[in-house]
N, C-alpha and C. Protein backbone atom coordinates (compact mmCIF):
# COMPACT_ATOMS: atom_id res chain seq x y z
N MET A 1 -14.70 5.23 -196.95
CA MET A 1 -14.14 6.36 -196.31
C MET A 1 -14.81 7.22 -196.40
N ASP A 2 -16.20 7.15 -197.01
CA ASP A 2 -17.18 8.54 -197.01
C ASP A 2 -18.03 8.59 -195.63
N TYR A 3 -18.42 7.47 -195.09
CA TYR A 3 -18.57 7.34 -193.70
C TYR A 3 -17.90 7.89 -192.51
N VAL A 4 -16.69 7.97 -192.73
CA VAL A 4 -16.17 8.73 -191.55
C VAL A 4 -15.55 9.88 -192.11
N SER A 5 -15.89 10.92 -192.93
CA SER A 5 -15.78 11.74 -193.50
C SER A 5 -17.18 12.65 -193.11
N ALA A 6 -18.78 11.95 -193.49
CA ALA A 6 -19.66 12.22 -192.77
C ALA A 6 -19.90 12.48 -191.18
N LEU A 7 -19.37 11.44 -190.27
CA LEU A 7 -19.41 10.99 -189.33
C LEU A 7 -18.69 12.22 -187.84
N VAL A 8 -17.49 12.48 -188.79
CA VAL A 8 -16.76 13.57 -187.99
C VAL A 8 -17.29 14.32 -187.36
N PRO A 9 -17.80 15.27 -188.43
CA PRO A 9 -18.16 16.96 -187.84
C PRO A 9 -19.46 16.25 -186.45
N PRO A 10 -20.21 15.97 -186.62
CA PRO A 10 -21.27 15.90 -185.77
C PRO A 10 -20.75 15.24 -184.57
N VAL A 11 -19.65 14.17 -184.45
CA VAL A 11 -19.03 13.92 -183.71
C VAL A 11 -18.12 14.89 -183.00
N VAL A 12 -17.36 15.53 -183.43
CA VAL A 12 -16.53 16.95 -182.76
C VAL A 12 -17.73 17.98 -182.16
N MET A 13 -18.96 18.14 -182.67
CA MET A 13 -19.73 19.17 -182.38
C MET A 13 -20.32 18.37 -181.07
N ALA A 14 -20.60 17.33 -180.93
CA ALA A 14 -20.98 16.62 -179.94
C ALA A 14 -20.06 16.85 -178.43
N VAL A 15 -18.99 16.39 -178.93
CA VAL A 15 -18.23 16.32 -178.09
C VAL A 15 -17.68 17.91 -177.51
N PHE A 16 -17.85 18.73 -178.39
CA PHE A 16 -17.45 20.36 -177.72
C PHE A 16 -19.12 20.64 -176.80
N PHE A 17 -20.08 20.19 -177.66
CA PHE A 17 -21.15 20.41 -176.76
C PHE A 17 -21.44 19.95 -175.20
N ILE A 18 -20.81 18.49 -175.20
CA ILE A 18 -20.98 17.96 -173.97
C ILE A 18 -19.57 18.69 -172.90
N GLY A 19 -18.46 18.93 -173.56
CA GLY A 19 -17.92 20.09 -172.69
C GLY A 19 -18.42 21.39 -172.26
N LEU A 20 -18.73 22.06 -173.14
CA LEU A 20 -19.86 23.21 -173.05
C LEU A 20 -20.75 23.07 -171.37
N ILE A 21 -21.68 21.75 -171.53
CA ILE A 21 -22.50 21.64 -170.59
C ILE A 21 -21.93 21.50 -169.36
N VAL A 22 -20.50 20.47 -169.22
CA VAL A 22 -20.05 20.07 -168.14
C VAL A 22 -19.65 21.25 -168.12
N THR A 23 -19.36 22.42 -168.25
CA THR A 23 -18.63 23.44 -167.81
C THR A 23 -19.47 24.28 -167.07
N ILE A 24 -21.07 24.61 -168.16
CA ILE A 24 -21.87 25.46 -167.20
C ILE A 24 -22.12 24.56 -166.13
N VAL A 25 -22.21 23.11 -165.74
CA VAL A 25 -22.56 22.57 -164.80
C VAL A 25 -21.70 22.42 -163.60
N LYS A 26 -20.68 22.96 -163.79
CA LYS A 26 -19.46 23.04 -162.62
C LYS A 26 -19.25 24.29 -162.51
N THR A 27 -19.61 25.31 -163.04
CA THR A 27 -19.97 26.90 -162.58
C THR A 27 -20.80 27.15 -161.98
N GLN A 28 -21.73 26.51 -162.09
CA GLN A 28 -23.43 27.06 -161.32
C GLN A 28 -22.52 26.95 -159.84
N GLY A 29 -23.68 28.33 -159.24
CA GLY A 29 -22.90 28.08 -157.54
C GLY A 29 -21.71 28.59 -157.25
N GLY A 30 -21.49 27.87 -156.24
CA GLY A 30 -19.77 28.38 -155.57
C GLY A 30 -20.20 29.29 -155.23
N ALA A 31 -18.51 29.90 -154.89
CA ALA A 31 -18.39 31.16 -154.22
C ALA A 31 -18.95 32.44 -154.52
N ASN A 32 -19.50 32.65 -155.90
CA ASN A 32 -19.89 33.97 -156.46
C ASN A 32 -21.42 34.04 -156.66
N LYS A 33 -21.86 32.29 -156.17
CA LYS A 33 -23.28 32.57 -156.38
C LYS A 33 -24.10 33.45 -155.43
N SER A 34 -23.93 34.11 -154.47
CA SER A 34 -24.18 34.93 -153.69
C SER A 34 -24.40 36.70 -154.88
N LYS A 35 -23.15 36.76 -155.05
CA LYS A 35 -23.05 38.27 -155.53
C LYS A 35 -23.70 38.32 -157.05
N GLU A 36 -23.45 36.91 -157.82
CA GLU A 36 -24.32 37.28 -158.98
C GLU A 36 -25.70 37.32 -158.96
N ASP A 37 -26.28 36.28 -157.63
CA ASP A 37 -27.63 36.39 -157.34
C ASP A 37 -27.84 38.19 -157.08
N ALA A 38 -27.63 38.63 -156.25
CA ALA A 38 -27.00 39.85 -156.21
C ALA A 38 -27.56 40.73 -157.43
N VAL A 39 -26.91 40.93 -158.07
CA VAL A 39 -26.52 41.66 -159.38
C VAL A 39 -27.56 41.48 -160.23
N VAL A 40 -28.49 40.26 -160.21
CA VAL A 40 -29.58 40.14 -160.95
C VAL A 40 -31.04 40.78 -160.15
N ASP A 41 -30.69 40.21 -158.82
CA ASP A 41 -31.73 40.90 -158.09
C ASP A 41 -31.88 42.85 -158.25
N ALA A 42 -30.66 43.06 -158.36
CA ALA A 42 -30.31 44.86 -158.73
C ALA A 42 -31.04 45.17 -159.69
N ALA A 43 -30.86 44.33 -160.75
CA ALA A 43 -31.23 44.51 -162.52
C ALA A 43 -32.74 44.54 -162.26
N LEU A 44 -32.98 43.53 -161.29
CA LEU A 44 -34.94 43.08 -161.66
C LEU A 44 -35.26 44.11 -160.88
N ALA A 45 -35.00 44.53 -159.94
CA ALA A 45 -35.29 45.68 -159.42
C ALA A 45 -35.41 47.17 -159.81
N ARG A 46 -34.41 47.65 -160.58
CA ARG A 46 -34.32 48.50 -161.33
C ARG A 46 -35.22 48.40 -162.30
N ALA A 47 -35.32 47.50 -163.55
CA ALA A 47 -36.21 47.54 -164.16
C ALA A 47 -37.78 47.44 -163.65
N GLU A 48 -37.68 46.87 -162.83
CA GLU A 48 -39.36 46.58 -162.06
C GLU A 48 -39.77 48.74 -161.80
N SER A 49 -38.66 49.22 -160.78
CA SER A 49 -38.85 50.42 -160.59
C SER A 49 -38.88 51.32 -162.11
N ALA A 50 -38.32 51.31 -162.92
CA ALA A 50 -38.89 51.92 -164.14
C ALA A 50 -39.68 51.97 -164.79
N ARG A 51 -40.13 50.57 -165.20
CA ARG A 51 -41.42 50.00 -165.53
C ARG A 51 -42.54 51.47 -164.43
N GLN A 52 -42.81 50.81 -163.11
CA GLN A 52 -44.03 51.73 -162.40
C GLN A 52 -43.50 53.39 -162.48
N ALA A 53 -42.26 53.48 -163.43
CA ALA A 53 -42.34 54.93 -162.92
C ALA A 53 -43.13 55.86 -164.17
N SER A 54 -43.08 54.94 -165.27
CA SER A 54 -43.92 55.11 -166.84
C SER A 54 -45.41 54.73 -166.70
N PRO A 55 -46.48 55.20 -166.04
CA PRO A 55 -47.33 54.35 -166.18
C PRO A 55 -48.11 54.37 -167.35
N ASP A 56 -47.47 55.36 -168.66
CA ASP A 56 -48.45 55.16 -170.26
C ASP A 56 -47.61 54.04 -170.96
N LEU A 57 -47.21 53.15 -170.06
CA LEU A 57 -46.58 51.59 -170.91
C LEU A 57 -47.35 50.72 -170.55
N LYS A 58 -47.90 49.82 -171.78
CA LYS A 58 -48.79 48.57 -171.22
C LYS A 58 -47.97 47.64 -170.55
N ALA A 59 -48.40 46.96 -169.91
CA ALA A 59 -47.45 45.73 -169.44
C ALA A 59 -48.00 44.61 -170.28
């Protein structure tokens, strides 16, 4: 029975990991994709403009 108790934690972790990956893949794209992309683009533009506004920082 030691082998069963040794195998249970990795099997449980593998099942949860597979569930996490499936959930991530299923939620990619869809109706909110363009909204999420717009938020990321806005954040990147804000970071880029802040970087250009302070020329004393080295990139």
